[in-house]
Amino acid sequence: MNLGERLAQRTLQLVDAPSESRGEVELCASVLATLQAGGVDARDAGDTCVLAGVTERGDKPLVLLGGHLDTVPAQGNIPGRIVDGGVHGLGASDMKGACAVMIELALARAGGAIDLGYVFFGREELPLADSALTPLFAREPGLATADLAVMMEPTAGQIQAGCLGNVNATWTFHGRSGHSARPWQADNAIHRAAEGIGALTAVAPAPRIFDGLEFTEVVSVTKVSGGIAANVIPAEASAHVNYRYAPGRSALEADAWLHGLCDPFGTLRIDSNAPSAPVATGNPLVGRLHAAGAFAVAPKQAWTPVAEFAAAGVDAINFGPGDPVHAHQVSEQVSIEALVHAYETLASFVAV
């Protein structure tokens, strides 16, 4: 098989291995067995994590490639298929295709001027508190000595620098229950929610320039609930609020901004806050990757584990074959051409 066929078949194998978050243990073991059978120095690092290649500093620059093995829930898109020049199926874009590239690079012993380490891990699609990556740094301190981490999230072959912070919060609106035939004797919490959500809707997306890249801060209501019966004015309603904030704004500042917006209308509880990540484009290895074939440098308009690498003291950028437009869709896919481009770019990047 040629390179494209190998990458496509490897991606399809990974797609067809169910690994929804918290169900990736079998795939983790399979990836480890594949690498070890191919003579790669790979080991079980515990808790759905596999490490391979060089994972501690030597004389050469050390670059870690990161890939998560889990996916969002299936939508009838397993098993996958290869058709029309692409691999289709659950996780193909986010990020089984990238994991296939990592496995093939490891089996090919890619390297030369740069040492490559491989970090596979689970539970990325869950809130940050559930991630398997952050605890790994405590168990494997050598990872923090890396000169750069390339998180192979879908970027359509671009280098995407930094990432947005991600706040999830519950917004509760309080009223007083009563009979729906006499609503003036009650205080409708859903109507209060409508007023608050209307104010939030008026907050326009806000561009923020950070280290020369433009990120867009956005706040959205993603779920609404309330009411107990068709003839009862509700005393309580709630909404789920999602806020994405740019690098340069701290987690505490993001919490305070959201409280300032929401508190006049109801009670806001911050459920999680995954911090943003700085832009690492000043790292000379990022320029080397760009020169090796990566497309334009752009901001990452999402949260990714580059923030976890950054928190551990490692410069990190996003670069992967998947296209973000296909991530999490029932029609998820990755093109074979993109898989080959990612492989060849990384192979060139680390070569002499």
Foldseek 3Di string as FASTA:
>chain_A
DDPLVQLLVQLLVLQQPAAAFVRCPVVLVVLQVLLVVLVWAKDDLDQSKIKTWDQADDPAAEEEEEAESHFHDADPFPNWDDDDQWIWGTCAQVPSSQVSLVSVCRSVVQFARYTYMYMYFYDFVPAPVPGPPLVSCVSPVRNLNHQEYAYAHHDQLAWAFWEWKKWKKKWKFFWAKDFQVCCVVIGARVVLVVVLQVLLVPDDWDWDAAPRATETKHKHWDDKDFDDDPGMRTGMIMTMMMIIHEPPQFQVNVVVVVCVSRVVRGDMDTPHIQHITHGPCVRVLVVLLVVLQGDYYHHHHHDGCCSSSVVSVYHYIYGHQRHVVQGPDNGRIGGSVSSVRVSSSVSSSRHD
